Amino acid sequence: EFWAPYPFPSIALDDPAFSRPIPRNSWAGASQALTALRAPRWMERYGKRADLTQLMRQWVKAIAGAADFFQQMDPVSGQFTPDRGGYSPAALVLTSFAWRLWGVRRIGPTLEWNCRPPETGNAVRSTLATERGTAELANSGEGATLKMDGRMLLDVRGRVRLITDLAGKPRWLVGSEPALVEVTLRWRNGRTANFQVLPDAVISLA
């Protein structure tokens, strides 16, 4: 009852105290942007990466279809409660989730490459400067291309998270999708490798 179509409701969907219609600034059922913004902290820590992907997709979809950045939404319909708009936590949700879904991010001594075609079918490109060079990730309907200082590292086919060191050497594949995914890696020398990646799985590439 907490895994709503647009997670997470502030109380269970079947709780008699769930408030409908949902009033403004309500923690009696609405899915709050502040809750979504904080969700990656604990969901990543406890290995709930695939569920986090679902949550992020739903929030990005809802925000992209809204007229402004609002505080809260109906956890079933994804419709935001009208308010004055300009709610900065919702804007941060969109920014953070876009990087986590389609971007390259630095996590300590590693780079996290989120290889995933964008929902709209358009191409998405992200770059990140590090002391070892500029990492570049291009996601499109054809797959993902990983580069370091303009030099190709890998082509990736399949929705997956790839973890490398700061120089771009592959370390792990991480199952960040809610279903099994067929993944193909192709290095610049033409070598390929195929994997089946289950949700939340971590596969060593060492």
Protein backbone atom coordinates (compact mmCIF):
# COMPACT_ATOMS: atom_id res chain seq x y z
CA GLU A 1 0.00 0.00 0.00
CA PHE A 2 3.05 2.27 -0.04
CA TRP A 3 4.21 1.14 -3.51
CA ALA A 4 1.75 3.39 -5.31
CA PRO A 5 1.93 4.19 -9.05
CA TYR A 6 3.70 7.43 -8.00
CA PRO A 7 5.65 6.54 -4.82
CA PHE A 8 5.74 7.17 -1.94
CA PRO A 9 2.42 8.16 -0.36
CA SER A 10 2.91 9.79 3.02
CA ILE A 11 0.53 7.22 4.55
CA ALA A 12 -0.68 3.88 3.19
CA LEU A 13 -3.25 3.98 0.41
CA ASP A 14 -5.67 1.87 2.45
CA ASP A 15 -5.30 3.88 5.66
CA PRO A 16 -8.72 5.23 6.77
CA ALA A 17 -6.98 8.54 7.54
CA PHE A 18 -5.94 9.00 3.89
CA SER A 19 -7.24 12.47 3.04
CA ARG A 20 -9.33 12.85 -0.14
CA PRO A 21 -9.62 15.18 -1.85
CA ILE A 22 -5.98 15.87 -1.03
CA PRO A 23 -5.54 19.35 0.48
CA ARG A 24 -2.45 21.49 0.01
CA ASN A 25 0.60 20.77 2.18
CA SER A 26 -0.85 17.43 3.26
CA TRP A 27 1.09 14.54 4.80
CA ALA A 28 -2.09 12.48 5.01
CA GLY A 29 -1.55 10.59 1.77
CA ALA A 30 0.06 12.83 -0.84
CA SER A 31 3.41 11.86 -2.39
CA GLN A 32 5.75 14.63 -1.36
CA ALA A 33 8.66 15.97 -3.43
CA LEU A 34 10.79 16.09 -0.26
CA THR A 35 10.27 12.35 0.25
CA ALA A 36 11.21 11.62 -3.37
CA LEU A 37 14.30 13.83 -3.13
CA ARG A 38 15.58 11.89 -0.12
CA ALA A 39 14.64 8.43 -1.42
CA PRO A 40 17.91 7.76 -3.32
CA ARG A 41 19.92 8.06 -0.10
CA TRP A 42 18.31 5.06 1.57
CA MET A 43 17.26 3.10 -1.53
CA GLU A 44 20.82 3.03 -2.87
CA ARG A 45 22.21 2.14 0.55
CA TYR A 46 19.91 -0.87 0.88
CA GLY A 47 20.39 -2.04 -2.71
CA LYS A 48 16.92 -1.08 -3.98
CA ARG A 49 18.27 0.29 -7.26
CA ALA A 50 15.64 -1.20 -9.55
CA ASP A 51 12.76 0.10 -7.43
CA LEU A 52 14.47 3.49 -7.30
CA THR A 53 14.54 3.56 -11.10
CA GLN A 54 10.77 3.03 -11.16
CA LEU A 55 10.21 5.78 -8.60
CA MET A 56 12.44 8.20 -10.53
CA ARG A 57 10.77 7.47 -13.87
CA GLN A 58 7.34 8.16 -12.41
CA TRP A 59 8.39 11.44 -10.79
CA VAL A 60 10.14 12.67 -13.94
CA LYS A 61 7.05 11.77 -15.97
CA ALA A 62 4.76 13.62 -13.57
CA ILE A 63 6.93 16.73 -13.29
CA ALA A 64 7.48 16.91 -17.04
CA GLY A 65 3.72 16.91 -17.55
CA ALA A 66 3.03 19.61 -14.96
CA ALA A 67 2.77 23.34 -15.57
CA ASP A 68 5.17 24.23 -12.74
CA PHE A 69 7.16 22.75 -9.86
CA PHE A 70 4.66 21.80 -7.16
CA GLN A 71 5.03 20.36 -3.66
CA GLN A 72 2.93 17.21 -3.77
CA MET A 73 0.90 14.91 -5.98
CA ASP A 74 -1.77 12.26 -5.85
CA PRO A 75 0.10 8.93 -5.51
CA VAL A 76 -2.42 7.14 -7.74
CA SER A 77 -3.04 9.60 -10.58
CA GLY A 78 0.24 11.54 -10.54
CA GLN A 79 -1.67 14.84 -10.61
CA PHE A 80 -0.05 17.62 -8.60
CA THR A 81 -2.03 19.62 -6.05
CA PRO A 82 -2.32 23.19 -7.39
CA ASP A 83 -0.36 25.72 -5.36
CA ARG A 84 1.72 28.83 -6.02
CA GLY A 85 4.40 26.79 -7.84
CA GLY A 86 8.14 27.38 -7.92
CA TYR A 87 8.73 24.64 -5.32
CA SER A 88 12.51 24.15 -5.33
CA PRO A 89 12.57 20.55 -3.94
CA ALA A 90 10.52 19.44 -6.96
CA ALA A 91 13.01 21.17 -9.27
CA LEU A 92 15.83 19.37 -7.46
CA VAL A 93 13.99 16.06 -7.86
CA LEU A 94 13.91 16.58 -11.63
CA THR A 95 17.58 17.59 -11.82
CA SER A 96 18.82 14.80 -9.54
CA PHE A 97 16.70 12.10 -11.15
CA ALA A 98 17.74 13.09 -14.68
CA TRP A 99 21.40 12.61 -13.75
CA ARG A 100 20.66 9.33 -11.97
CA LEU A 101 18.65 7.97 -14.89
CA TRP A 102 20.72 9.16 -17.89
CA GLY A 103 23.90 10.81 -16.64
CA VAL A 104 27.46 10.06 -15.61
CA ARG A 105 28.10 10.72 -11.92
CA ARG A 106 31.14 10.56 -9.66
CA ILE A 107 30.80 8.36 -6.58
CA GLY A 108 34.03 8.60 -4.58
CA PRO A 109 36.85 6.96 -6.58
CA THR A 110 34.46 5.64 -9.25
CA LEU A 111 32.27 6.85 -12.08
CA GLU A 112 28.65 5.74 -12.38
CA TRP A 113 27.45 5.56 -16.01
CA ASN A 114 23.67 5.25 -16.29
CA CYS A 115 23.14 3.63 -19.68
CA ARG A 116 19.49 3.96 -20.60
CA PRO A 117 17.62 5.28 -23.66
CA PRO A 118 15.61 8.37 -22.71
CA GLU A 119 11.87 7.85 -22.42
CA THR A 120 11.15 10.32 -25.24
CA GLY A 121 13.46 8.56 -27.69
CA ASN A 122 15.66 11.64 -28.02
CA ALA A 123 19.39 11.61 -27.34
CA VAL A 124 20.79 12.75 -23.99
CA ARG A 125 24.42 13.72 -23.46
CA SER A 126 26.11 14.39 -20.12
CA THR A 127 29.69 15.31 -19.25
CA LEU A 128 31.65 15.34 -16.01
CA ALA A 129 35.12 16.78 -15.44
CA THR A 130 37.48 14.78 -13.22
CA GLU A 131 41.20 14.93 -12.50
CA ARG A 132 41.60 11.97 -14.87
CA GLY A 133 39.79 13.66 -17.75
CA THR A 134 36.31 14.57 -18.95
CA ALA A 135 33.83 11.70 -18.88
CA GLU A 136 31.10 11.83 -21.53
CA LEU A 137 27.99 9.66 -21.75
CA ALA A 138 25.68 9.75 -24.77
CA ASN A 139 22.37 7.88 -24.42
CA SER A 140 20.11 7.32 -27.41
CA GLY A 141 17.67 4.78 -28.77
CA GLU A 142 20.64 2.90 -30.21
CA GLY A 143 22.31 2.46 -26.83
CA ALA A 144 24.99 4.28 -24.86
CA THR A 145 28.47 5.45 -25.81
CA LEU A 146 31.05 6.12 -23.10
CA LYS A 147 34.03 8.40 -23.79
CA MET A 148 36.92 9.84 -21.83
CA ASP A 149 38.47 13.05 -23.22
CA GLY A 150 36.78 12.32 -26.53
CA ARG A 151 38.23 8.80 -26.77
CA MET A 152 35.68 5.99 -26.91
CA LEU A 153 35.74 3.58 -24.00
CA LEU A 154 32.70 1.39 -24.57
CA ASP A 155 29.43 1.00 -26.41
CA VAL A 156 26.70 -0.40 -24.18
CA ARG A 157 23.48 -2.03 -25.37
CA GLY A 158 20.89 -2.63 -22.70
CA ARG A 159 19.56 -0.64 -19.76
CA VAL A 160 22.18 -0.98 -17.07
CA ARG A 161 24.45 0.94 -14.73
CA LEU A 162 28.17 0.57 -15.36
CA ILE A 163 30.72 1.43 -12.67
CA THR A 164 34.28 2.29 -13.73
CA ASP A 165 37.32 3.76 -12.05
CA LEU A 166 38.09 7.42 -12.74
CA ALA A 167 40.09 6.48 -15.83
CA GLY A 168 37.08 4.64 -17.27
CA LYS A 169 38.20 1.06 -16.60
CA PRO A 170 35.06 -1.11 -16.11
CA ARG A 171 34.58 -2.56 -12.64
CA TRP A 172 30.94 -3.63 -12.20
CA LEU A 173 27.62 -3.92 -13.97
CA VAL A 174 24.66 -3.06 -11.72
CA GLY A 175 21.07 -4.11 -12.36
CA SER A 176 19.17 -0.83 -12.18
CA GLU A 177 16.06 -2.01 -14.06
CA PRO A 178 12.99 -3.77 -12.56
CA ALA A 179 13.40 -6.75 -14.93
CA LEU A 180 16.16 -8.96 -16.32
CA VAL A 181 18.15 -7.11 -19.00
CA GLU A 182 20.32 -8.46 -21.82
CA VAL A 183 23.47 -6.34 -21.95
CA THR A 184 26.23 -6.20 -24.56
CA LEU A 185 29.50 -4.35 -24.01
CA ARG A 186 31.69 -3.49 -27.01
CA TRP A 187 35.19 -2.13 -26.50
CA ARG A 188 36.93 0.16 -29.00
CA ASN A 189 39.12 -2.75 -30.15
CA GLY A 190 35.98 -4.64 -31.24
CA ARG A 191 35.88 -7.10 -28.34
CA THR A 192 32.36 -7.80 -27.05
CA ALA A 193 30.87 -9.43 -23.98
CA ASN A 194 27.27 -10.39 -23.24
CA PHE A 195 25.55 -10.48 -19.85
CA GLN A 196 22.18 -11.17 -18.31
CA VAL A 197 21.66 -8.67 -15.51
CA LEU A 198 18.95 -9.22 -12.91
CA PRO A 199 17.36 -6.40 -10.88
CA ASP A 200 19.75 -5.11 -8.18
CA ALA A 201 22.47 -7.59 -9.23
CA VAL A 202 26.14 -6.56 -9.13
CA ILE A 203 28.41 -8.31 -11.65
CA SER A 204 32.18 -7.94 -11.33
CA LEU A 205 34.07 -7.05 -14.52
CA ALA A 206 37.54 -7.19 -12.92
